[in-house]
Protein backbone atom coordinates (compact mmCIF):
# COMPACT_ATOMS: atom_id res chain seq x y z
CA MET A 1 13.36 14.75 -0.35
CA LYS A 2 11.06 11.74 0.10
CA ASP A 3 7.81 11.75 2.07
CA LYS A 4 9.20 11.82 5.63
CA ILE A 5 5.76 11.51 7.23
CA LEU A 6 5.01 8.26 5.38
CA TYR A 7 8.54 6.97 6.00
CA TYR A 8 8.58 7.56 9.75
CA ALA A 9 4.93 6.57 10.32
CA THR A 10 5.71 3.19 8.73
CA ILE A 11 8.81 2.67 10.89
CA ILE A 12 7.00 3.73 14.10
CA LEU A 13 4.12 1.33 13.38
CA SER A 14 6.57 -1.52 12.62
CA VAL A 15 8.63 -0.96 15.78
CA PHE A 16 5.42 -0.91 17.82
CA GLY A 17 4.45 -4.15 16.07
CA LEU A 18 7.79 -5.69 17.10
CA VAL A 19 7.16 -4.73 20.73
CA MET A 20 3.65 -6.23 20.58
CA ILE A 21 4.98 -9.43 19.00
CA TYR A 22 7.15 -9.90 22.07
CA SER A 23 4.25 -9.15 24.41
CA SER A 24 1.85 -11.49 22.63
CA SER A 25 4.27 -14.35 21.85
CA TYR A 26 6.70 -14.76 24.75
CA VAL A 27 4.42 -17.26 26.52
CA TRP A 28 4.03 -19.44 23.42
CA ALA A 29 7.70 -19.03 22.42
CA ASN A 30 8.89 -20.08 25.88
CA TYR A 31 6.58 -23.11 25.80
CA LYS A 32 7.45 -24.23 22.23
CA PHE A 33 11.12 -23.29 21.91
CA ASN A 34 12.21 -22.58 25.50
CA ASN A 35 13.16 -19.13 24.23
CA ALA A 36 10.82 -16.21 24.97
CA PHE A 37 12.53 -14.06 22.31
CA LYS A 38 12.24 -16.57 19.43
CA TYR A 39 9.49 -14.76 17.49
CA VAL A 40 10.69 -11.23 18.23
CA ILE A 41 14.25 -12.03 17.05
CA ASN A 42 12.95 -13.52 13.78
CA GLN A 43 10.67 -10.54 13.20
CA GLY A 44 13.47 -8.13 14.12
CA ILE A 45 15.65 -9.57 11.35
CA PHE A 46 12.86 -9.09 8.80
CA LEU A 47 12.19 -5.59 10.16
CA ILE A 48 15.79 -4.53 9.50
CA LEU A 49 15.74 -6.15 6.04
CA GLY A 50 12.40 -4.46 5.34
CA ILE A 51 13.67 -0.98 6.23
CA ILE A 52 16.75 -1.53 4.04
CA LEU A 53 14.55 -2.74 1.14
CA MET A 54 12.16 0.19 1.58
CA THR A 55 15.04 2.67 1.50
CA ILE A 56 16.60 1.06 -1.61
CA LEU A 57 13.29 0.91 -3.51
CA SER A 58 12.59 4.55 -2.66
CA LYS A 59 15.66 5.44 -4.77
CA ILE A 60 14.63 3.39 -7.84
CA ASP A 61 12.69 5.00 -10.68
CA SER A 62 9.30 3.43 -11.42
CA CYS A 63 10.34 2.96 -15.07
CA PHE A 64 12.44 0.03 -13.85
CA TYR A 65 9.33 -1.85 -12.62
CA LYS A 66 7.49 -1.02 -15.81
CA LYS A 67 10.34 -2.33 -17.96
CA TYR A 68 10.65 -5.67 -16.15
CA SER A 69 6.98 -6.20 -15.18
CA ASN A 70 6.53 -9.12 -17.61
CA TYR A 71 9.55 -10.98 -16.23
CA LEU A 72 8.46 -10.36 -12.64
CA LEU A 73 4.98 -11.70 -13.39
CA LEU A 74 6.40 -14.83 -15.06
CA PHE A 75 8.78 -15.39 -12.13
CA THR A 76 5.88 -15.11 -9.65
CA PHE A 77 3.76 -17.51 -11.70
CA ILE A 78 6.55 -20.11 -11.65
CA LEU A 79 6.91 -19.74 -7.86
CA LEU A 80 3.15 -20.18 -7.34
CA VAL A 81 3.26 -23.41 -9.37
CA LEU A 82 6.40 -24.74 -7.64
CA VAL A 83 5.03 -24.14 -4.14
CA LEU A 84 2.14 -26.54 -4.89
CA ILE A 85 4.53 -29.44 -5.60
CA PRO A 86 4.99 -31.76 -2.57
CA GLY A 87 8.59 -31.79 -1.45
CA ILE A 88 9.18 -28.22 -2.65
CA GLY A 89 6.34 -26.36 -0.97
CA VAL A 90 6.18 -26.62 2.82
CA VAL A 91 2.86 -27.25 4.61
CA ARG A 92 2.21 -24.96 7.57
CA ASN A 93 -1.12 -24.69 9.39
CA GLY A 94 -2.74 -26.84 6.70
CA SER A 95 -1.63 -24.62 3.80
CA ARG A 96 1.08 -25.48 1.24
CA SER A 97 1.99 -21.86 0.60
CA TRP A 98 5.56 -21.69 1.86
CA PHE A 99 9.12 -22.22 0.74
CA GLY A 100 11.10 -23.33 3.78
CA ILE A 101 14.53 -21.75 4.28
CA ALA A 102 16.03 -23.09 7.54
CA SER A 103 13.67 -21.89 10.30
CA PHE A 104 12.30 -19.13 8.07
CA GLY A 105 9.47 -19.32 5.55
CA PHE A 106 8.70 -17.40 2.39
CA GLN A 107 5.26 -17.03 0.75
CA PRO A 108 5.22 -16.48 -3.05
CA SER A 109 1.59 -15.34 -2.80
CA GLU A 110 2.87 -12.17 -1.09
CA ILE A 111 5.16 -11.38 -4.03
CA SER A 112 2.23 -11.93 -6.41
CA LYS A 113 0.60 -8.81 -4.90
CA LEU A 114 3.48 -6.70 -6.18
CA SER A 115 3.91 -8.36 -9.56
CA LEU A 116 0.21 -8.25 -10.42
CA VAL A 117 -0.24 -4.59 -9.43
CA ILE A 118 2.81 -3.58 -11.50
CA PHE A 119 1.69 -5.58 -14.55
CA VAL A 120 -1.96 -4.44 -14.35
CA SER A 121 -0.85 -0.79 -13.95
CA LYS A 122 1.29 -1.08 -17.08
CA TYR A 123 -1.57 -2.74 -19.00
CA LEU A 124 -4.10 -0.10 -17.94
CA GLU A 125 -1.73 2.77 -18.74
CA ARG A 126 -1.06 1.43 -22.24
CA ASN A 127 -4.74 0.93 -23.03
CA ASP A 128 -5.72 4.22 -21.41
CA ALA A 129 -3.21 6.02 -23.63
CA LEU A 130 -4.86 4.37 -26.64
CA LYS A 131 -8.37 5.16 -25.27
CA ARG A 132 -9.13 1.45 -25.18
CA VAL A 133 -10.11 0.79 -21.54
CA THR A 134 -13.30 -1.02 -22.55
CA SER A 135 -14.79 -4.41 -21.73
CA LYS A 136 -12.97 -5.96 -24.68
CA PHE A 137 -9.59 -5.03 -23.18
CA VAL A 138 -10.55 -5.50 -19.51
CA PHE A 139 -11.54 -9.19 -19.77
CA PRO A 140 -8.00 -10.45 -20.63
CA ILE A 141 -6.57 -8.83 -17.51
CA LEU A 142 -9.46 -10.18 -15.43
CA GLY A 143 -8.65 -13.63 -16.77
CA LEU A 144 -5.03 -13.22 -15.62
CA ILE A 145 -6.17 -12.12 -12.15
CA LEU A 146 -8.49 -15.15 -11.96
CA LEU A 147 -5.63 -17.49 -12.94
CA PHE A 148 -3.43 -16.20 -10.11
CA PHE A 149 -6.38 -16.29 -7.71
CA LEU A 150 -6.98 -19.98 -8.50
CA LEU A 151 -3.29 -20.82 -7.99
CA ILE A 152 -3.31 -19.09 -4.60
CA LEU A 153 -6.61 -20.80 -3.75
CA LEU A 154 -5.02 -24.23 -4.36
CA GLU A 155 -2.55 -23.62 -1.53
CA PRO A 156 -5.14 -22.72 -0.02
CA ASP A 157 -4.80 -19.01 0.91
CA PHE A 158 -8.26 -17.57 0.38
CA GLY A 159 -7.58 -14.33 2.29
CA THR A 160 -4.61 -13.23 0.16
CA GLY A 161 -6.49 -14.20 -3.00
CA MET A 162 -9.46 -12.03 -2.03
CA ILE A 163 -7.21 -9.05 -1.24
CA ILE A 164 -5.61 -9.30 -4.69
CA VAL A 165 -8.94 -9.66 -6.51
CA PHE A 166 -10.73 -6.82 -4.68
CA SER A 167 -7.77 -4.43 -4.93
CA LEU A 168 -7.26 -4.94 -8.66
CA ILE A 169 -10.98 -4.78 -9.46
CA VAL A 170 -11.18 -1.41 -7.66
CA LEU A 171 -8.07 -0.29 -9.56
CA ILE A 172 -9.72 -1.22 -12.87
CA PHE A 173 -12.93 0.51 -11.73
CA ILE A 174 -11.23 3.89 -11.17
CA THR A 175 -10.05 3.91 -14.81
CA GLY A 176 -13.67 4.60 -15.81
CA THR A 177 -14.52 1.12 -17.07
CA ASN A 178 -18.20 0.43 -17.80
CA LEU A 179 -20.14 -0.37 -14.61
CA SER A 180 -22.00 -3.27 -16.25
CA ILE A 181 -18.75 -5.27 -16.28
CA PHE A 182 -18.58 -5.13 -12.49
CA VAL A 183 -22.23 -6.15 -12.14
CA ARG A 184 -21.45 -9.27 -14.16
CA LEU A 185 -18.31 -9.83 -12.09
CA GLY A 186 -20.35 -9.55 -8.90
CA ILE A 187 -22.79 -12.24 -10.08
CA LEU A 188 -19.87 -14.43 -11.15
CA GLY A 189 -18.20 -13.87 -7.77
CA ILE A 190 -21.30 -14.98 -5.85
CA VAL A 191 -21.51 -18.14 -7.94
CA GLY A 192 -17.78 -18.71 -7.38
CA ILE A 193 -18.07 -18.34 -3.59
CA ILE A 194 -20.93 -20.86 -3.53
CA GLY A 195 -18.75 -23.22 -5.57
CA LEU A 196 -15.80 -22.77 -3.18
CA ILE A 197 -18.02 -23.57 -0.21
CA ILE A 198 -19.25 -26.76 -1.90
CA VAL A 199 -15.68 -27.84 -2.77
CA ALA A 200 -14.28 -27.08 0.73
CA PRO A 201 -16.94 -27.55 3.47
CA TYR A 202 -14.63 -26.04 6.14
CA ARG A 203 -15.42 -22.62 4.64
CA LEU A 204 -19.12 -23.16 5.41
CA LYS A 205 -18.17 -23.94 9.03
CA ARG A 206 -16.25 -20.65 9.17
CA ILE A 207 -19.27 -18.74 7.88
CA ILE A 208 -21.57 -20.45 10.41
CA SER A 209 -19.11 -19.73 13.23
CA PHE A 210 -18.93 -16.12 12.05
CA VAL A 211 -22.73 -15.75 12.23
CA ASN A 212 -22.93 -17.62 15.54
CA PRO A 213 -19.52 -18.51 17.03
CA TRP A 214 -21.22 -20.07 20.05
CA SER A 215 -22.61 -22.84 17.84
CA ASP A 216 -19.13 -24.43 17.99
CA PRO A 217 -17.26 -22.68 20.85
CA LEU A 218 -14.45 -25.24 20.99
CA GLY A 219 -14.07 -25.64 17.23
CA SER A 220 -14.56 -23.18 14.37
CA GLY A 221 -15.88 -20.44 16.70
CA PHE A 222 -13.04 -20.70 19.22
CA GLN A 223 -10.73 -18.00 17.79
CA ILE A 224 -13.45 -15.38 17.39
CA ILE A 225 -14.76 -15.98 20.93
CA GLN A 226 -11.28 -15.72 22.46
CA SER A 227 -10.59 -12.59 20.40
CA LEU A 228 -13.74 -10.93 21.72
CA TYR A 229 -12.78 -12.01 25.27
CA ALA A 230 -9.47 -10.17 24.74
CA ILE A 231 -11.05 -6.98 23.37
CA GLY A 232 -13.81 -6.75 26.00
CA PRO A 233 -11.74 -6.14 29.18
CA GLY A 234 -9.51 -3.55 27.46
CA GLY A 235 -11.64 -0.59 28.44
CA LEU A 236 -10.20 2.90 27.98
CA LEU A 237 -6.55 2.35 28.95
CA GLY A 238 -6.27 -1.46 28.84
CA GLN A 239 -4.83 -4.01 31.28
CA GLY A 240 -1.27 -2.73 30.82
CA PHE A 241 1.74 -3.86 28.77
CA LEU A 242 2.48 -7.62 29.17
CA ASN A 243 -0.70 -8.07 31.24
CA SER A 244 -2.90 -9.80 28.66
CA ARG A 245 -4.59 -12.97 29.87
CA GLN A 246 -5.76 -14.31 26.51
CA LYS A 247 -2.21 -14.90 25.28
CA HIS A 248 -1.78 -17.52 28.01
CA PHE A 249 -2.84 -20.45 25.79
CA TYR A 250 -6.39 -19.15 25.21
CA LEU A 251 -5.99 -17.30 21.90
CA PRO A 252 -4.00 -19.57 19.50
CA GLU A 253 -0.75 -17.97 18.26
CA PRO A 254 -1.83 -14.42 19.18
CA GLN A 255 1.26 -12.86 17.53
CA THR A 256 -0.14 -13.48 14.02
CA ASP A 257 -3.67 -12.79 12.78
CA PHE A 258 -5.16 -11.79 16.14
CA ILE A 259 -2.42 -9.52 17.46
CA PHE A 260 -4.83 -6.57 17.35
CA SER A 261 -6.90 -8.33 20.04
CA ILE A 262 -3.87 -8.30 22.36
CA ILE A 263 -3.26 -4.60 21.57
CA SER A 264 -6.90 -3.90 22.51
CA GLU A 265 -6.59 -5.90 25.74
CA GLU A 266 -3.30 -4.35 26.90
CA PHE A 267 -3.70 -0.74 25.71
CA GLY A 268 -7.48 -0.39 25.49
CA PHE A 269 -9.33 2.18 23.39
CA LEU A 270 -6.42 4.65 23.56
CA GLY A 271 -3.97 2.12 22.09
CA VAL A 272 -6.42 1.14 19.37
CA LEU A 273 -6.94 4.83 18.54
CA ILE A 274 -3.18 5.50 18.22
CA VAL A 275 -2.65 2.48 15.97
CA SER A 276 -5.66 3.45 13.86
CA VAL A 277 -4.35 7.02 13.47
CA LEU A 278 -0.97 5.70 12.29
CA PHE A 279 -2.67 3.51 9.68
CA ILE A 280 -4.84 6.44 8.55
CA VAL A 281 -1.75 8.65 8.19
CA ILE A 282 -0.01 5.99 6.07
CA PHE A 283 -3.06 5.45 3.84
CA TYR A 284 -3.66 9.21 3.48
CA ARG A 285 -0.06 9.85 2.39
CA CYS A 286 -0.25 6.97 -0.11
CA ILE A 287 -3.50 8.20 -1.68
CA LYS A 288 -2.19 11.78 -1.67
CA THR A 289 0.86 10.63 -3.63
CA ALA A 290 -1.37 8.85 -6.16
CA LEU A 291 -3.54 11.93 -6.66
CA GLU A 292 -0.53 14.22 -7.13
CA THR A 293 1.13 11.94 -9.68
CA GLU A 294 0.78 13.00 -13.32
CA ASN A 295 2.24 9.85 -14.91
CA LEU A 296 -0.57 7.31 -15.48
CA PHE A 297 1.54 4.23 -14.74
CA ASP A 298 2.77 5.75 -11.47
CA LYS A 299 -0.77 6.81 -10.54
CA TYR A 300 -2.23 3.33 -11.13
CA LEU A 301 0.72 1.68 -9.37
CA VAL A 302 0.39 3.79 -6.21
CA PHE A 303 -3.39 3.36 -6.15
CA GLY A 304 -3.05 -0.42 -6.56
CA LEU A 305 -0.45 -0.78 -3.80
CA SER A 306 -2.49 1.50 -1.51
CA PHE A 307 -5.63 -0.57 -2.09
CA MET A 308 -3.69 -3.76 -1.23
CA LEU A 309 -2.57 -2.33 2.11
CA ILE A 310 -5.98 -0.82 2.90
CA PHE A 311 -7.98 -3.97 2.09
CA GLN A 312 -5.56 -6.19 4.02
CA THR A 313 -5.79 -3.95 7.10
CA LEU A 314 -9.59 -3.70 6.96
CA LEU A 315 -9.94 -7.45 6.43
CA ASN A 316 -7.74 -8.28 9.42
CA LEU A 317 -9.52 -5.82 11.72
CA SER A 318 -12.92 -7.08 10.56
CA VAL A 319 -11.92 -10.66 11.42
CA VAL A 320 -10.65 -9.64 14.86
CA VAL A 321 -13.94 -7.97 15.85
CA GLY A 322 -16.07 -10.69 14.25
CA LEU A 323 -17.42 -8.75 11.25
CA VAL A 324 -16.20 -11.33 8.69
CA PRO A 325 -15.19 -15.01 8.89
CA VAL A 326 -11.61 -15.94 9.83
CA THR A 327 -9.34 -15.62 6.77
CA GLY A 328 -5.78 -15.97 8.11
CA VAL A 329 -4.70 -12.52 6.85
CA THR A 330 -2.02 -10.67 8.83
CA LEU A 331 -2.16 -7.04 9.99
CA PRO A 332 0.40 -5.07 7.90
CA PHE A 333 3.57 -3.94 9.77
CA ILE A 334 2.34 -5.36 13.10
CA SER A 335 1.57 -9.10 12.84
CA TYR A 336 4.32 -11.70 12.96
CA GLY A 337 5.27 -12.86 9.48
CA GLY A 338 8.41 -12.13 7.48
CA SER A 339 6.93 -12.41 3.98
CA SER A 340 4.04 -10.09 4.77
CA LEU A 341 6.31 -7.54 6.49
CA LEU A 342 8.86 -7.47 3.65
CA THR A 343 6.12 -7.11 1.03
CA SER A 344 4.47 -4.26 2.94
CA PHE A 345 7.82 -2.46 3.24
CA MET A 346 8.46 -2.97 -0.48
CA MET A 347 5.07 -1.44 -1.30
CA ILE A 348 5.85 1.62 0.82
CA GLY A 349 9.33 1.83 -0.75
CA ILE A 350 7.86 1.95 -4.27
CA ILE A 351 5.34 4.60 -3.21
CA LEU A 352 8.12 6.65 -1.58
CA GLY A 353 10.13 6.43 -4.81
CA ILE A 354 7.21 7.81 -6.82
CA SER A 355 6.55 10.48 -4.18
CA ASN A 356 10.22 11.43 -4.33
CA LYS A 357 10.01 11.69 -8.13
CA ASN A 358 6.89 13.86 -7.88
CA LYS A 359 8.63 16.23 -5.49
CA TRP A 360 11.74 16.31 -7.68
CA PHE A 361 9.64 17.26 -10.73
CA CYS A 362 7.71 19.77 -8.62
CA SER A 363 10.96 21.33 -7.37
CA LEU A 364 12.32 21.41 -10.93
CA TYR A 365 9.13 23.10 -12.13
CA TRP A 366 9.31 25.81 -9.46
CA TYR A 367 13.06 26.27 -10.06
CA ILE A 368 12.50 26.79 -13.79
CA LEU A 369 9.55 29.09 -13.07
CA TRP A 370 11.65 31.12 -10.60
CA LYS A 371 14.49 31.40 -13.12
CA TRP A 372 12.08 32.58 -15.81
CA MET A 373 10.63 35.12 -13.38
CA GLN A 374 14.13 36.35 -12.54
CA LYS A 375 14.99 36.55 -16.22
CA GLY A 376 11.67 38.27 -16.91
CA ALA A 377 12.34 40.79 -14.15
CA SER A 378 15.81 41.36 -15.58
CA TRP A 379 14.41 41.84 -19.08
CA SER A 380 11.70 44.12 -17.74
CA LYS A 381 14.24 46.25 -15.86
CA LYS A 382 16.43 46.38 -18.95
CA TRP A 383 13.56 47.48 -21.19
CA VAL A 384 12.39 50.06 -18.63
CA GLN A 385 15.91 51.47 -18.50
CA LYS A 386 16.07 51.46 -22.31
CA GLY A 387 12.64 53.10 -22.46
CA ALA A 388 13.75 55.77 -19.99
CA SER A 389 16.94 56.32 -21.99
CA TRP A 390 14.98 56.59 -25.26
CA ASN A 391 12.45 58.88 -23.62
CA LYS A 392 15.23 61.15 -22.32
CA LYS A 393 16.88 61.14 -25.75
CA TRP A 394 13.63 62.07 -27.52
CA VAL A 395 12.89 64.77 -24.96
CA GLN A 396 16.33 66.24 -25.57
CA LYS A 397 15.79 66.03 -29.34
CA GLY A 398 12.36 67.67 -28.92
CA ALA A 399 13.92 70.49 -26.89
CA LYS A 400 16.53 71.08 -29.61
CA LEU A 401 13.85 71.11 -32.32
CA MET A 402 11.80 73.56 -30.28
CA LYS A 403 14.84 75.91 -29.98
CA ILE A 404 15.43 75.69 -33.76
CA ARG A 405 11.74 76.42 -34.40
CA VAL A 406 11.80 79.50 -32.11
CA PHE A 407 14.99 80.73 -33.78
CA LEU A 408 13.45 80.35 -37.29
CA LEU A 409 10.25 82.14 -36.21
CA LYS A 410 12.30 85.08 -34.89
CA ILE A 411 14.15 85.35 -38.20
CA TRP A 412 10.85 85.14 -40.15
CA TYR A 413 9.10 87.91 -38.24
CA ASN A 414 12.14 90.16 -38.19
């Protein structure tokens, strides 16, 4: 049986997210589309598809992903190139990172999370088996990660790129790779960030607005200020469901990146605590599955997917409370966004499949052990019975010999 706690915690969080999408978006949806349910209907469709996908993937053996990891990576690479071509990729909010399908959109950068984790897990498992996880064999995979990061950066989608890079670097780190490699990567990363700021000055504005949002309250600092205005009045129990003020054209598109601000405003500290506990339960079950897994590929795969979800959640929450600059990253299972929701469900589905396999092997182990114990008890009983029978037989033989000896002694003395 699969991990029911992880399964139901994910569904509960997603359904709550759907409710909050309605609460945070009905004002904007009514204004833009004259339909208050526009966003919640779209998200509801993806929610149903996501649950179906999660359930299907939980039944698939991880060997399938390992076998086709190269093809999946190549397919993702082609999509990331195609989305950059004008006329094929659709520009939304200043980023050419979408394929438009009717009123829906699809982001290939989300699929790249899955394909890269699967491929890197396979690569690390193969080299770990050969005892070759050294700098010589780590640099090629780092080069591949950098290539995908640059393609995603060209869209531009800096937030997703950073999630991928950080998650995979941590995954490589836990294999026991030499620490000096990561020191060099850190220096290279600092130089790279400086270069990105020089190439795109809007990133410098975001950093300045992060340090002091009041320096440009109507420009780059506007979202952070409005987010803090939403969180502040929340108090212990919040303003009540549907009673947020910031969603009334103050906080831009509150159903996406800043939906956690609306949760804080409407449900207060208690609502934030419940949502946080649900996330902690999901992350704990994921990490627990990774630690219990014996197969190296499965272990690396679950760790990688878990790190993706954890880093994305922490990055979104950090943006909402003003700890890091605005990145445009959604909150898993809660924010509006079909691509992000489907990808998150697929990650959980893969983890559930591996958890299911672990439990199946564990059950098989205990079944075999129980059978051996039963057989051992049967053998033990059989040998005890035989021993008792032999003992009785030898006692009887001894008694007969004793009678013969007494008889012979009588004859001898007479």
